[in-house]
PDB file of N, CA and C in Angstrom:
ATOM      1  N   MET A   1     -22.756 -18.718 -15.511  1.00  0.00           N
ATOM      2  CA  MET A   1     -23.064 -18.242 -14.274  1.00  0.00           C
ATOM      3  C   MET A   1     -23.731 -17.178 -14.097  1.00  0.00           C
ATOM      4  N   ASN A   2     -25.162 -17.328 -13.756  1.00  0.00           N
ATOM      5  CA  ASN A   2     -26.056 -16.310 -13.372  1.00  0.00           C
ATOM      6  C   ASN A   2     -25.968 -15.529 -12.217  1.00  0.00           C
ATOM      7  N   THR A   3     -26.816 -14.212 -12.173  1.00  0.00           N
ATOM      8  CA  THR A   3     -26.676 -13.591 -10.838  1.00  0.00           C
ATOM      9  C   THR A   3     -26.881 -14.116  -9.615  1.00  0.00           C
ATOM     10  N   LEU A   4     -27.965 -15.116  -9.343  1.00  0.00           N
ATOM     11  CA  LEU A   4     -28.402 -15.749  -8.459  1.00  0.00           C
ATOM     12  C   LEU A   4     -27.108 -16.772  -7.964  1.00  0.00           C
ATOM     13  N   GLU A   5     -26.548 -17.314  -8.748  1.00  0.00           N
ATOM     14  CA  GLU A   5     -25.741 -18.296  -8.522  1.00  0.00           C
ATOM     15  C   GLU A   5     -23.992 -17.607  -7.900  1.00  0.00           C
ATOM     16  N   ILE A   6     -23.937 -16.621  -8.341  1.00  0.00           N
ATOM     17  CA  ILE A   6     -22.914 -15.710  -7.858  1.00  0.00           C
ATOM     18  C   ILE A   6     -23.277 -15.077  -6.259  1.00  0.00           C
ATOM     19  N   LYS A   7     -24.732 -14.592  -6.258  1.00  0.00           N
ATOM     20  CA  LYS A   7     -25.070 -14.140  -5.211  1.00  0.00           C
ATOM     21  C   LYS A   7     -24.848 -15.331  -4.150  1.00  0.00           C
ATOM     22  N   GLY A   8     -25.395 -16.431  -4.166  1.00  0.00           N
ATOM     23  CA  GLY A   8     -25.256 -17.454  -3.494  1.00  0.00           C
ATOM     24  C   GLY A   8     -23.823 -17.989  -3.097  1.00  0.00           C
ATOM     25  N   ASP A   9     -22.974 -18.131  -4.284  1.00  0.00           N
ATOM     26  CA  ASP A   9     -21.522 -18.158  -3.628  1.00  0.00           C
ATOM     27  C   ASP A   9     -20.920 -17.351  -2.561  1.00  0.00           C
ATOM     28  N   TRP A  10     -21.259 -15.946  -3.093  1.00  0.00           N
ATOM     29  CA  TRP A  10     -20.563 -14.972  -2.069  1.00  0.00           C
ATOM     30  C   TRP A  10     -21.420 -15.000  -0.679  1.00  0.00           C
ATOM     31  N   ASN A  11     -22.454 -15.525  -0.760  1.00  0.00           N
ATOM     32  CA  ASN A  11     -23.181 -15.850   0.688  1.00  0.00           C
ATOM     33  C   ASN A  11     -22.386 -16.888   1.379  1.00  0.00           C
ATOM     34  N   ILE A  12     -22.181 -17.959   0.639  1.00  0.00           N
ATOM     35  CA  ILE A  12     -21.258 -18.986   1.142  1.00  0.00           C
ATOM     36  C   ILE A  12     -19.886 -18.626   1.571  1.00  0.00           C
ATOM     37  N   THR A  13     -19.161 -17.821   1.052  1.00  0.00           N
ATOM     38  CA  THR A  13     -17.868 -17.459   1.270  1.00  0.00           C
ATOM     39  C   THR A  13     -17.836 -16.602   2.371  1.00  0.00           C
ATOM     40  N   LYS A  14     -19.011 -15.426   2.580  1.00  0.00           N
ATOM     41  CA  LYS A  14     -18.991 -14.628   3.624  1.00  0.00           C
ATOM     42  C   LYS A  14     -19.096 -15.564   4.945  1.00  0.00           C
ATOM     43  N   GLY A  15     -19.938 -16.525   4.744  1.00  0.00           N
ATOM     44  CA  GLY A  15     -20.225 -17.187   5.848  1.00  0.00           C
ATOM     45  C   GLY A  15     -19.044 -17.929   6.176  1.00  0.00           C
ATOM     46  N   LYS A  16     -18.132 -18.497   5.472  1.00  0.00           N
ATOM     47  CA  LYS A  16     -16.622 -19.131   6.020  1.00  0.00           C
ATOM     48  C   LYS A  16     -15.699 -17.851   6.489  1.00  0.00           C
ATOM     49  N   LEU A  17     -15.770 -16.878   5.963  1.00  0.00           N
ATOM     50  CA  LEU A  17     -14.920 -15.488   6.590  1.00  0.00           C
ATOM     51  C   LEU A  17     -15.792 -15.153   7.927  1.00  0.00           C
ATOM     52  N   LYS A  18     -17.054 -15.258   8.204  1.00  0.00           N
ATOM     53  CA  LYS A  18     -17.353 -15.173   9.498  1.00  0.00           C
ATOM     54  C   LYS A  18     -17.080 -16.153  10.525  1.00  0.00           C
ATOM     55  N   GLN A  19     -16.955 -17.338  10.034  1.00  0.00           N
ATOM     56  CA  GLN A  19     -16.483 -18.498  10.980  1.00  0.00           C
ATOM     57  C   GLN A  19     -14.798 -18.235  11.230  1.00  0.00           C
ATOM     58  N   ARG A  20     -14.094 -17.781  10.468  1.00  0.00           N
ATOM     59  CA  ARG A  20     -12.731 -17.464  10.593  1.00  0.00           C
ATOM     60  C   ARG A  20     -12.684 -16.470  11.615  1.00  0.00           C
ATOM     61  N   TRP A  21     -13.113 -15.189  11.243  1.00  0.00           N
ATOM     62  CA  TRP A  21     -13.242 -14.033  12.213  1.00  0.00           C
ATOM     63  C   TRP A  21     -14.601 -13.521  12.600  1.00  0.00           C
ATOM     64  N   ALA A  22     -15.066 -13.950  13.909  1.00  0.00           N
ATOM     65  CA  ALA A  22     -16.135 -13.863  14.267  1.00  0.00           C
ATOM     66  C   ALA A  22     -16.640 -12.731  14.484  1.00  0.00           C
ATOM     67  N   SER A  23     -15.502 -11.381  14.449  1.00  0.00           N
ATOM     68  CA  SER A  23     -15.790 -10.133  14.944  1.00  0.00           C
ATOM     69  C   SER A  23     -16.353  -9.427  13.394  1.00  0.00           C
ATOM     70  N   LEU A  24     -16.368 -10.077  12.273  1.00  0.00           N
ATOM     71  CA  LEU A  24     -17.024  -9.481  10.937  1.00  0.00           C
ATOM     72  C   LEU A  24     -18.425  -9.270  11.347  1.00  0.00           C
ATOM     73  N   THR A  25     -18.913  -8.233  10.532  1.00  0.00           N
ATOM     74  CA  THR A  25     -20.473  -8.029  10.498  1.00  0.00           C
ATOM     75  C   THR A  25     -20.795  -8.221   8.986  1.00  0.00           C
ATOM     76  N   ASP A  26     -22.169  -8.298   8.752  1.00  0.00           N
ATOM     77  CA  ASP A  26     -22.643  -8.263   7.791  1.00  0.00           C
ATOM     78  C   ASP A  26     -22.328  -6.912   6.613  1.00  0.00           C
ATOM     79  N   ASP A  27     -22.172  -5.950   7.452  1.00  0.00           N
ATOM     80  CA  ASP A  27     -21.679  -4.704   7.029  1.00  0.00           C
ATOM     81  C   ASP A  27     -20.263  -4.631   6.466  1.00  0.00           C
ATOM     82  N   ASP A  28     -19.716  -5.294   7.394  1.00  0.00           N
ATOM     83  CA  ASP A  28     -17.805  -5.422   7.002  1.00  0.00           C
ATOM     84  C   ASP A  28     -17.722  -6.084   5.571  1.00  0.00           C
ATOM     85  N   LEU A  29     -18.761  -7.275   5.466  1.00  0.00           N
ATOM     86  CA  LEU A  29     -18.610  -7.936   4.228  1.00  0.00           C
ATOM     87  C   LEU A  29     -19.451  -7.586   3.147  1.00  0.00           C
ATOM     88  N   ARG A  30     -20.048  -6.199   2.999  1.00  0.00           N
ATOM     89  CA  ARG A  30     -20.886  -5.991   1.883  1.00  0.00           C
ATOM     90  C   ARG A  30     -20.122  -5.601   0.963  1.00  0.00           C
ATOM     91  N   CYS A  31     -19.876  -6.298  -0.308  1.00  0.00           N
ATOM     92  CA  CYS A  31     -18.872  -5.779  -1.356  1.00  0.00           C
ATOM     93  C   CYS A  31     -19.922  -5.594  -2.250  1.00  0.00           C
ATOM     94  N   THR A  32     -19.605  -4.232  -2.953  1.00  0.00           N
ATOM     95  CA  THR A  32     -20.271  -3.980  -4.172  1.00  0.00           C
ATOM     96  C   THR A  32     -19.190  -3.916  -5.454  1.00  0.00           C
ATOM     97  N   GLU A  33     -19.466  -3.854  -6.677  1.00  0.00           N
ATOM     98  CA  GLU A  33     -18.918  -3.752  -7.657  1.00  0.00           C
ATOM     99  C   GLU A  33     -17.664  -2.621  -7.580  1.00  0.00           C
ATOM    100  N   GLY A  34     -16.356  -2.926  -7.734  1.00  0.00           N
ATOM    101  CA  GLY A  34     -15.653  -1.545  -7.683  1.00  0.00           C
ATOM    102  C   GLY A  34     -14.905  -1.316  -6.155  1.00  0.00           C
ATOM    103  N   LYS A  35     -15.493  -2.156  -5.383  1.00  0.00           N
ATOM    104  CA  LYS A  35     -15.294  -1.977  -3.876  1.00  0.00           C
ATOM    105  C   LYS A  35     -14.251  -2.828  -3.351  1.00  0.00           C
ATOM    106  N   HIS A  36     -13.470  -3.410  -4.036  1.00  0.00           N
ATOM    107  CA  HIS A  36     -12.708  -4.686  -3.457  1.00  0.00           C
ATOM    108  C   HIS A  36     -11.699  -4.230  -2.545  1.00  0.00           C
ATOM    109  N   ASP A  37     -11.163  -3.108  -2.689  1.00  0.00           N
ATOM    110  CA  ASP A  37      -9.978  -2.710  -1.810  1.00  0.00           C
ATOM    111  C   ASP A  37     -10.820  -2.261  -0.767  1.00  0.00           C
ATOM    112  N   GLU A  38     -11.812  -1.578  -0.478  1.00  0.00           N
ATOM    113  CA  GLU A  38     -12.875  -1.168   0.561  1.00  0.00           C
ATOM    114  C   GLU A  38     -12.741  -2.334   1.422  1.00  0.00           C
ATOM    115  N   LEU A  39     -13.361  -3.590   0.579  1.00  0.00           N
ATOM    116  CA  LEU A  39     -13.651  -4.838   1.408  1.00  0.00           C
ATOM    117  C   LEU A  39     -12.454  -5.476   2.228  1.00  0.00           C
ATOM    118  N   LEU A  40     -11.328  -5.572   1.574  1.00  0.00           N
ATOM    119  CA  LEU A  40      -9.940  -5.648   2.151  1.00  0.00           C
ATOM    120  C   LEU A  40      -9.545  -4.984   3.449  1.00  0.00           C
ATOM    121  N   GLY A  41      -9.560  -3.371   2.952  1.00  0.00           N
ATOM    122  CA  GLY A  41      -9.747  -2.680   4.412  1.00  0.00           C
ATOM    123  C   GLY A  41     -10.440  -2.913   5.268  1.00  0.00           C
ATOM    124  N   ARG A  42     -11.507  -2.930   5.236  1.00  0.00           N
ATOM    125  CA  ARG A  42     -12.503  -3.150   6.301  1.00  0.00           C
ATOM    126  C   ARG A  42     -12.349  -4.508   7.259  1.00  0.00           C
ATOM    127  N   ILE A  43     -11.970  -5.568   6.299  1.00  0.00           N
ATOM    128  CA  ILE A  43     -11.760  -6.652   7.118  1.00  0.00           C
ATOM    129  C   ILE A  43     -10.527  -6.626   7.713  1.00  0.00           C
ATOM    130  N   GLN A  44      -9.425  -6.012   7.083  1.00  0.00           N
ATOM    131  CA  GLN A  44      -8.145  -5.673   7.811  1.00  0.00           C
ATOM    132  C   GLN A  44      -7.982  -4.954   9.065  1.00  0.00           C
ATOM    133  N   LYS A  45      -9.028  -3.929   9.003  1.00  0.00           N
ATOM    134  CA  LYS A  45      -9.178  -2.902  10.180  1.00  0.00           C
ATOM    135  C   LYS A  45      -9.951  -3.874  11.286  1.00  0.00           C
ATOM    136  N   ARG A  46     -10.912  -4.778  11.095  1.00  0.00           N
ATOM    137  CA  ARG A  46     -11.694  -5.390  12.130  1.00  0.00           C
ATOM    138  C   ARG A  46     -10.802  -6.389  12.696  1.00  0.00           C
ATOM    139  N   THR A  47     -10.126  -7.128  11.673  1.00  0.00           N
ATOM    140  CA  THR A  47      -9.416  -8.169  12.432  1.00  0.00           C
ATOM    141  C   THR A  47      -7.751  -8.159  12.636  1.00  0.00           C
ATOM    142  N   GLY A  48      -7.214  -7.190  12.186  1.00  0.00           N
ATOM    143  CA  GLY A  48      -5.867  -6.745  12.515  1.00  0.00           C
ATOM    144  C   GLY A  48      -4.837  -7.648  11.681  1.00  0.00           C
ATOM    145  N   GLU A  49      -5.315  -8.444  10.838  1.00  0.00           N
ATOM    146  CA  GLU A  49      -4.888  -9.364   9.562  1.00  0.00           C
ATOM    147  C   GLU A  49      -4.090  -8.579   8.551  1.00  0.00           C
ATOM    148  N   THR A  50      -3.031  -9.110   7.912  1.00  0.00           N
ATOM    149  CA  THR A  50      -2.297  -8.218   6.763  1.00  0.00           C
ATOM    150  C   THR A  50      -3.302  -8.644   5.784  1.00  0.00           C
ATOM    151  N   ARG A  51      -2.924  -7.502   4.600  1.00  0.00           N
ATOM    152  CA  ARG A  51      -3.749  -7.749   3.357  1.00  0.00           C
ATOM    153  C   ARG A  51      -3.578  -8.959   2.805  1.00  0.00           C
ATOM    154  N   GLU A  52      -2.472  -9.277   2.682  1.00  0.00           N
ATOM    155  CA  GLU A  52      -1.987 -10.666   2.193  1.00  0.00           C
ATOM    156  C   GLU A  52      -2.745 -11.834   2.759  1.00  0.00           C
ATOM    157  N   ALA A  53      -2.852 -11.816   4.109  1.00  0.00           N
ATOM    158  CA  ALA A  53      -3.729 -12.987   4.852  1.00  0.00           C
ATOM    159  C   ALA A  53      -5.271 -12.728   4.688  1.00  0.00           C
ATOM    160  N   VAL A  54      -5.560 -11.505   4.305  1.00  0.00           N
ATOM    161  CA  VAL A  54      -7.213 -11.431   3.941  1.00  0.00           C
ATOM    162  C   VAL A  54      -7.441 -11.828   2.890  1.00  0.00           C
ATOM    163  N   GLU A  55      -6.528 -11.416   1.758  1.00  0.00           N
ATOM    164  CA  GLU A  55      -6.925 -11.954   0.369  1.00  0.00           C
ATOM    165  C   GLU A  55      -6.666 -13.565   0.402  1.00  0.00           C
ATOM    166  N   LYS A  56      -5.665 -13.784   1.116  1.00  0.00           N
ATOM    167  CA  LYS A  56      -5.535 -15.686   1.090  1.00  0.00           C
ATOM    168  C   LYS A  56      -6.806 -16.162   1.567  1.00  0.00           C
ATOM    169  N   ALA A  57      -7.521 -15.613   2.847  1.00  0.00           N
ATOM    170  CA  ALA A  57      -8.459 -16.318   3.154  1.00  0.00           C
ATOM    171  C   ALA A  57      -9.651 -16.028   2.525  1.00  0.00           C
ATOM    172  N   ILE A  58      -9.971 -15.059   1.729  1.00  0.00           N
ATOM    173  CA  ILE A  58     -11.009 -14.784   0.633  1.00  0.00           C
ATOM    174  C   ILE A  58     -10.909 -15.842  -0.294  1.00  0.00           C
ATOM    175  N   LYS A  59      -9.790 -16.014  -1.024  1.00  0.00           N
ATOM    176  CA  LYS A  59      -9.540 -16.841  -1.981  1.00  0.00           C
ATOM    177  C   LYS A  59      -9.880 -18.391  -1.581  1.00  0.00           C
ATOM    178  N   GLU A  60      -9.359 -18.809  -0.155  1.00  0.00           N
ATOM    179  CA  GLU A  60      -9.566 -20.056   0.093  1.00  0.00           C
ATOM    180  C   GLU A  60     -11.139 -20.214   0.510  1.00  0.00           C
ATOM    181  N   ALA A  61     -11.707 -19.264   0.835  1.00  0.00           N
ATOM    182  CA  ALA A  61     -13.208 -19.506   1.267  1.00  0.00           C
ATOM    183  C   ALA A  61     -14.150 -19.417   0.011  1.00  0.00           C
ATOM    184  N   SER A  62     -13.311 -18.768  -1.052  1.00  0.00           N
ATOM    185  CA  SER A  62     -14.406 -18.727  -2.347  1.00  0.00           C
ATOM    186  C   SER A  62     -14.010 -20.011  -3.091  1.00  0.00           C
ATOM    187  N   SER A  63     -12.848 -20.581  -3.073  1.00  0.00           N
ATOM    188  CA  SER A  63     -12.228 -21.660  -3.916  1.00  0.00           C
ATOM    189  C   SER A  63     -13.292 -22.810  -4.085  1.00  0.00           C
ATOM    190  N   CYS A  64     -13.858 -22.783  -2.706  1.00  0.00           N
ATOM    191  CA  CYS A  64     -14.487 -24.363  -2.773  1.00  0.00           C
ATOM    192  C   CYS A  64     -16.069 -24.262  -3.113  1.00  0.00           C
ATOM    193  N   CYS A  65     -16.529 -22.867  -3.230  1.00  0.00           N
ATOM    194  CA  CYS A  65     -17.804 -22.978  -3.828  1.00  0.00           C
ATOM    195  C   CYS A  65     -17.866 -22.181  -5.426  1.00  0.00           C
ATOM    196  N   CYS A  66     -16.928 -21.359  -5.710  1.00  0.00           N
ATOM    197  CA  CYS A  66     -16.754 -20.812  -6.903  1.00  0.00           C
ATOM    198  C   CYS A  66     -16.082 -21.286  -8.042  1.00  0.00           C
ATOM    199  N   LYS A  67     -16.848 -22.211  -8.982  1.00  0.00           N
ATOM    200  CA  LYS A  67     -15.999 -22.769  -9.898  1.00  0.00           C
ATOM    201  C   LYS A  67     -15.971 -22.050 -11.152  1.00  0.00           C
TER     202      LYS A  67
END
């Protein structure tokens, strides 16, 4: 899988997360290498969801597009 494919998959995943939690912004979902925990914390803070719920939502959103 090349970088362009990975970026496209992440864009799909971001869209699905924004559909689930409309209060999320692009800044909230900006994920860079090594910042996984920060991303989870931002989503948790914005949505009020538990870490486990956020991790599950990310996994579900990315399972459709990332193979």
